[in-house]
Amino acid sequence: MEPTELYFITEQDAAQIYRENEGIVEYLREFAMERFDAYMVLFLSRIRDSPEQRYLNLVKQQPDILTRVPQHYIASYLGITPVSLSRIRNRVWKEHKL
């Protein structure tokens, strides 16, 4: 993983920011809805798509993740074992020349 900085504010400070900046409430609502939609797509993909299709979707939608995140985390995200991910990667490489 990469070095990360985490920022946080207290609940009281957040409430004050909401009162002083009306636009931020709408922005945060939209952000929350976008995240909900993304999680719903991921959830439905786990039901509908094969592990290989989920991997291909990840390659297409977030190719940089493959070099930035350890393979065992990617496998977990896809709902498969690291061994299965390795097999899928090899098969995809041979079939699609990725």
N, C-alpha and C. Protein backbone atom coordinates (compact mmCIF):
# COMPACT_ATOMS: atom_id res chain seq x y z
N MET A 1 0.84 -1.18 0.00
CA MET A 1 0.00 0.00 0.00
C MET A 1 0.88 1.24 0.00
N GLU A 2 0.25 2.33 -0.30
CA GLU A 2 0.97 3.60 -0.38
C GLU A 2 0.80 4.40 0.91
N PRO A 3 1.75 5.27 1.21
CA PRO A 3 1.57 6.15 2.37
C PRO A 3 0.28 6.98 2.21
N THR A 4 -0.42 7.15 3.29
CA THR A 4 -1.71 7.83 3.26
C THR A 4 -1.81 8.82 4.40
N GLU A 5 -2.44 9.94 4.15
CA GLU A 5 -2.74 10.90 5.21
C GLU A 5 -4.24 10.88 5.46
N LEU A 6 -4.60 10.89 6.70
CA LEU A 6 -6.00 10.86 7.09
C LEU A 6 -6.31 12.12 7.88
N TYR A 7 -7.36 12.81 7.47
CA TYR A 7 -7.80 14.01 8.18
C TYR A 7 -9.17 13.74 8.78
N PHE A 8 -9.44 14.33 9.91
CA PHE A 8 -10.75 14.18 10.52
C PHE A 8 -11.10 15.46 11.27
N ILE A 9 -12.40 15.62 11.49
CA ILE A 9 -12.88 16.76 12.27
C ILE A 9 -13.89 16.24 13.28
N THR A 10 -14.11 17.02 14.31
CA THR A 10 -15.07 16.61 15.33
C THR A 10 -16.49 16.80 14.80
N GLU A 11 -17.41 16.15 15.46
CA GLU A 11 -18.82 16.28 15.07
C GLU A 11 -19.29 17.73 15.21
N GLN A 12 -18.83 18.42 16.23
CA GLN A 12 -19.21 19.82 16.44
C GLN A 12 -18.67 20.70 15.31
N ASP A 13 -17.41 20.48 14.92
CA ASP A 13 -16.84 21.25 13.82
C ASP A 13 -17.58 20.98 12.51
N ALA A 14 -17.94 19.72 12.29
CA ALA A 14 -18.68 19.38 11.08
C ALA A 14 -20.03 20.09 11.06
N ALA A 15 -20.72 20.10 12.19
CA ALA A 15 -22.02 20.78 12.27
C ALA A 15 -21.88 22.26 11.97
N GLN A 16 -20.83 22.87 12.47
CA GLN A 16 -20.60 24.30 12.20
C GLN A 16 -20.33 24.53 10.71
N ILE A 17 -19.53 23.66 10.11
CA ILE A 17 -19.26 23.80 8.67
C ILE A 17 -20.55 23.67 7.88
N TYR A 18 -21.42 22.73 8.25
CA TYR A 18 -22.69 22.56 7.55
C TYR A 18 -23.55 23.81 7.65
N ARG A 19 -23.57 24.43 8.84
CA ARG A 19 -24.37 25.64 9.03
C ARG A 19 -23.82 26.81 8.22
N GLU A 20 -22.51 26.90 8.11
CA GLU A 20 -21.88 28.04 7.44
C GLU A 20 -21.76 27.86 5.93
N ASN A 21 -21.84 26.65 5.44
CA ASN A 21 -21.65 26.37 4.01
C ASN A 21 -22.77 25.46 3.51
N GLU A 22 -23.86 26.06 3.09
CA GLU A 22 -25.02 25.27 2.69
C GLU A 22 -24.72 24.33 1.53
N GLY A 23 -23.84 24.74 0.64
CA GLY A 23 -23.52 23.91 -0.53
C GLY A 23 -22.83 22.62 -0.19
N ILE A 24 -22.14 22.58 0.93
CA ILE A 24 -21.40 21.37 1.28
C ILE A 24 -22.33 20.22 1.64
N VAL A 25 -23.47 20.52 2.19
CA VAL A 25 -24.43 19.47 2.53
C VAL A 25 -24.90 18.77 1.26
N GLU A 26 -25.20 19.54 0.23
CA GLU A 26 -25.63 18.96 -1.05
C GLU A 26 -24.49 18.16 -1.68
N TYR A 27 -23.28 18.69 -1.61
CA TYR A 27 -22.12 17.98 -2.15
C TYR A 27 -21.94 16.64 -1.44
N LEU A 28 -22.02 16.63 -0.13
CA LEU A 28 -21.84 15.39 0.63
C LEU A 28 -22.96 14.40 0.37
N ARG A 29 -24.17 14.90 0.17
CA ARG A 29 -25.30 14.02 -0.17
C ARG A 29 -25.05 13.35 -1.52
N GLU A 30 -24.62 14.14 -2.50
CA GLU A 30 -24.32 13.59 -3.82
C GLU A 30 -23.17 12.59 -3.76
N PHE A 31 -22.15 12.91 -2.99
CA PHE A 31 -21.01 12.00 -2.82
C PHE A 31 -21.47 10.68 -2.20
N ALA A 32 -22.30 10.75 -1.18
CA ALA A 32 -22.80 9.54 -0.52
C ALA A 32 -23.64 8.71 -1.50
N MET A 33 -24.44 9.36 -2.32
CA MET A 33 -25.25 8.63 -3.31
C MET A 33 -24.36 7.96 -4.36
N GLU A 34 -23.31 8.64 -4.79
CA GLU A 34 -22.37 8.04 -5.75
C GLU A 34 -21.70 6.81 -5.16
N ARG A 35 -21.29 6.90 -3.90
CA ARG A 35 -20.67 5.75 -3.24
C ARG A 35 -21.66 4.60 -3.10
N PHE A 36 -22.91 4.92 -2.74
CA PHE A 36 -23.94 3.89 -2.63
C PHE A 36 -24.13 3.20 -3.98
N ASP A 37 -24.20 3.98 -5.05
CA ASP A 37 -24.35 3.40 -6.39
C ASP A 37 -23.18 2.48 -6.72
N ALA A 38 -21.96 2.91 -6.39
CA ALA A 38 -20.78 2.10 -6.68
C ALA A 38 -20.83 0.78 -5.90
N TYR A 39 -21.24 0.84 -4.64
CA TYR A 39 -21.34 -0.39 -3.85
C TYR A 39 -22.44 -1.30 -4.38
N MET A 40 -23.53 -0.72 -4.86
CA MET A 40 -24.62 -1.52 -5.42
C MET A 40 -24.14 -2.24 -6.69
N VAL A 41 -23.39 -1.54 -7.53
CA VAL A 41 -22.85 -2.15 -8.74
C VAL A 41 -21.92 -3.31 -8.37
N LEU A 42 -21.07 -3.10 -7.39
CA LEU A 42 -20.16 -4.15 -6.94
C LEU A 42 -20.94 -5.34 -6.39
N PHE A 43 -21.94 -5.08 -5.59
CA PHE A 43 -22.77 -6.14 -5.01
C PHE A 43 -23.45 -6.95 -6.11
N LEU A 44 -24.06 -6.27 -7.07
CA LEU A 44 -24.74 -6.97 -8.16
C LEU A 44 -23.75 -7.73 -9.03
N SER A 45 -22.56 -7.19 -9.20
CA SER A 45 -21.53 -7.87 -9.98
C SER A 45 -21.14 -9.19 -9.33
N ARG A 46 -21.07 -9.20 -8.02
CA ARG A 46 -20.73 -10.44 -7.30
C ARG A 46 -21.79 -11.53 -7.53
N ILE A 47 -23.03 -11.12 -7.72
CA ILE A 47 -24.12 -12.07 -7.96
C ILE A 47 -24.17 -12.49 -9.42
N ARG A 48 -24.03 -11.53 -10.31
CA ARG A 48 -24.29 -11.73 -11.72
C ARG A 48 -23.07 -12.20 -12.51
N ASP A 49 -21.90 -11.64 -12.24
CA ASP A 49 -20.73 -11.85 -13.09
C ASP A 49 -19.83 -12.97 -12.56
N SER A 50 -19.14 -13.59 -13.49
CA SER A 50 -18.14 -14.60 -13.11
C SER A 50 -16.93 -13.89 -12.51
N PRO A 51 -16.11 -14.61 -11.76
CA PRO A 51 -14.88 -13.99 -11.24
C PRO A 51 -14.01 -13.40 -12.35
N GLU A 52 -13.93 -14.10 -13.48
CA GLU A 52 -13.13 -13.58 -14.59
C GLU A 52 -13.71 -12.27 -15.12
N GLN A 53 -15.03 -12.19 -15.23
CA GLN A 53 -15.65 -10.95 -15.70
C GLN A 53 -15.43 -9.82 -14.70
N ARG A 54 -15.49 -10.11 -13.41
CA ARG A 54 -15.22 -9.09 -12.40
C ARG A 54 -13.79 -8.58 -12.53
N TYR A 55 -12.85 -9.50 -12.79
CA TYR A 55 -11.45 -9.10 -12.97
C TYR A 55 -11.31 -8.23 -14.22
N LEU A 56 -11.93 -8.63 -15.32
CA LEU A 56 -11.86 -7.83 -16.55
C LEU A 56 -12.47 -6.45 -16.35
N ASN A 57 -13.56 -6.37 -15.60
CA ASN A 57 -14.16 -5.07 -15.29
C ASN A 57 -13.19 -4.20 -14.51
N LEU A 58 -12.50 -4.79 -13.54
CA LEU A 58 -11.53 -4.04 -12.75
C LEU A 58 -10.38 -3.55 -13.63
N VAL A 59 -9.89 -4.41 -14.51
CA VAL A 59 -8.81 -4.02 -15.43
C VAL A 59 -9.25 -2.84 -16.30
N LYS A 60 -10.49 -2.89 -16.76
CA LYS A 60 -11.01 -1.84 -17.64
C LYS A 60 -11.26 -0.54 -16.88
N GLN A 61 -11.86 -0.64 -15.69
CA GLN A 61 -12.30 0.55 -14.97
C GLN A 61 -11.22 1.17 -14.10
N GLN A 62 -10.31 0.37 -13.56
CA GLN A 62 -9.29 0.89 -12.64
C GLN A 62 -7.95 0.18 -12.86
N PRO A 63 -7.36 0.32 -14.04
CA PRO A 63 -6.13 -0.43 -14.33
C PRO A 63 -4.97 -0.10 -13.40
N ASP A 64 -4.92 1.11 -12.87
CA ASP A 64 -3.81 1.48 -11.99
C ASP A 64 -3.83 0.71 -10.67
N ILE A 65 -4.99 0.25 -10.26
CA ILE A 65 -5.12 -0.51 -9.01
C ILE A 65 -4.25 -1.77 -9.06
N LEU A 66 -4.14 -2.37 -10.23
CA LEU A 66 -3.42 -3.63 -10.37
C LEU A 66 -1.95 -3.51 -10.02
N THR A 67 -1.39 -2.33 -10.18
CA THR A 67 0.02 -2.13 -9.85
C THR A 67 0.22 -1.48 -8.48
N ARG A 68 -0.84 -0.96 -7.91
CA ARG A 68 -0.73 -0.22 -6.65
C ARG A 68 -1.15 -1.03 -5.43
N VAL A 69 -1.90 -2.09 -5.64
CA VAL A 69 -2.49 -2.84 -4.52
C VAL A 69 -2.00 -4.29 -4.58
N PRO A 70 -1.61 -4.86 -3.45
CA PRO A 70 -1.18 -6.27 -3.43
C PRO A 70 -2.28 -7.20 -3.95
N GLN A 71 -1.85 -8.26 -4.61
CA GLN A 71 -2.78 -9.18 -5.25
C GLN A 71 -3.77 -9.82 -4.27
N HIS A 72 -3.36 -10.08 -3.04
CA HIS A 72 -4.31 -10.72 -2.11
C HIS A 72 -5.46 -9.76 -1.75
N TYR A 73 -5.21 -8.45 -1.78
CA TYR A 73 -6.30 -7.50 -1.55
C TYR A 73 -7.23 -7.43 -2.76
N ILE A 74 -6.65 -7.50 -3.94
CA ILE A 74 -7.47 -7.51 -5.16
C ILE A 74 -8.35 -8.75 -5.17
N ALA A 75 -7.77 -9.89 -4.82
CA ALA A 75 -8.55 -11.13 -4.77
C ALA A 75 -9.71 -10.99 -3.79
N SER A 76 -9.44 -10.45 -2.63
CA SER A 76 -10.49 -10.25 -1.63
C SER A 76 -11.59 -9.33 -2.16
N TYR A 77 -11.20 -8.24 -2.80
CA TYR A 77 -12.16 -7.29 -3.38
C TYR A 77 -13.04 -7.98 -4.42
N LEU A 78 -12.45 -8.89 -5.19
CA LEU A 78 -13.20 -9.60 -6.23
C LEU A 78 -14.00 -10.78 -5.67
N GLY A 79 -13.77 -11.11 -4.40
CA GLY A 79 -14.50 -12.22 -3.78
C GLY A 79 -13.96 -13.58 -4.16
N ILE A 80 -12.64 -13.66 -4.43
CA ILE A 80 -12.02 -14.92 -4.81
C ILE A 80 -10.73 -15.11 -4.01
N THR A 81 -10.14 -16.28 -4.12
CA THR A 81 -8.88 -16.54 -3.43
C THR A 81 -7.71 -16.01 -4.27
N PRO A 82 -6.57 -15.76 -3.64
CA PRO A 82 -5.39 -15.35 -4.41
C PRO A 82 -4.98 -16.37 -5.48
N VAL A 83 -5.16 -17.66 -5.18
CA VAL A 83 -4.83 -18.70 -6.17
C VAL A 83 -5.75 -18.58 -7.38
N SER A 84 -7.05 -18.38 -7.13
CA SER A 84 -7.99 -18.20 -8.23
C SER A 84 -7.65 -16.96 -9.05
N LEU A 85 -7.28 -15.89 -8.37
CA LEU A 85 -6.90 -14.67 -9.09
C LEU A 85 -5.69 -14.94 -9.98
N SER A 86 -4.72 -15.66 -9.48
CA SER A 86 -3.53 -15.98 -10.28
C SER A 86 -3.92 -16.76 -11.54
N ARG A 87 -4.79 -17.73 -11.39
CA ARG A 87 -5.24 -18.52 -12.54
C ARG A 87 -6.00 -17.65 -13.54
N ILE A 88 -6.87 -16.80 -13.03
CA ILE A 88 -7.63 -15.90 -13.90
C ILE A 88 -6.69 -14.96 -14.64
N ARG A 89 -5.73 -14.39 -13.93
CA ARG A 89 -4.77 -13.46 -14.56
C ARG A 89 -4.00 -14.16 -15.68
N ASN A 90 -3.55 -15.39 -15.43
CA ASN A 90 -2.82 -16.13 -16.46
C ASN A 90 -3.70 -16.44 -17.66
N ARG A 91 -4.93 -16.86 -17.41
CA ARG A 91 -5.86 -17.17 -18.50
C ARG A 91 -6.19 -15.92 -19.30
N VAL A 92 -6.46 -14.82 -18.61
CA VAL A 92 -6.79 -13.56 -19.28
C VAL A 92 -5.60 -13.08 -20.11
N TRP A 93 -4.41 -13.20 -19.55
CA TRP A 93 -3.21 -12.76 -20.27
C TRP A 93 -3.07 -13.54 -21.58
N LYS A 94 -3.27 -14.85 -21.51
CA LYS A 94 -3.14 -15.69 -22.72
C LYS A 94 -4.24 -15.39 -23.73
N GLU A 95 -5.48 -15.23 -23.25
CA GLU A 95 -6.61 -15.05 -24.16
C GLU A 95 -6.73 -13.64 -24.71
N HIS A 96 -6.46 -12.64 -23.86
CA HIS A 96 -6.70 -11.25 -24.24
C HIS A 96 -5.42 -10.46 -24.48
N LYS A 97 -4.30 -11.06 -24.18
CA LYS A 97 -3.00 -10.39 -24.33
C LYS A 97 -2.95 -9.07 -23.58
N LEU A 98 -3.43 -9.09 -22.32
CA LEU A 98 -3.42 -7.88 -21.48
C LEU A 98 -2.08 -7.70 -20.83
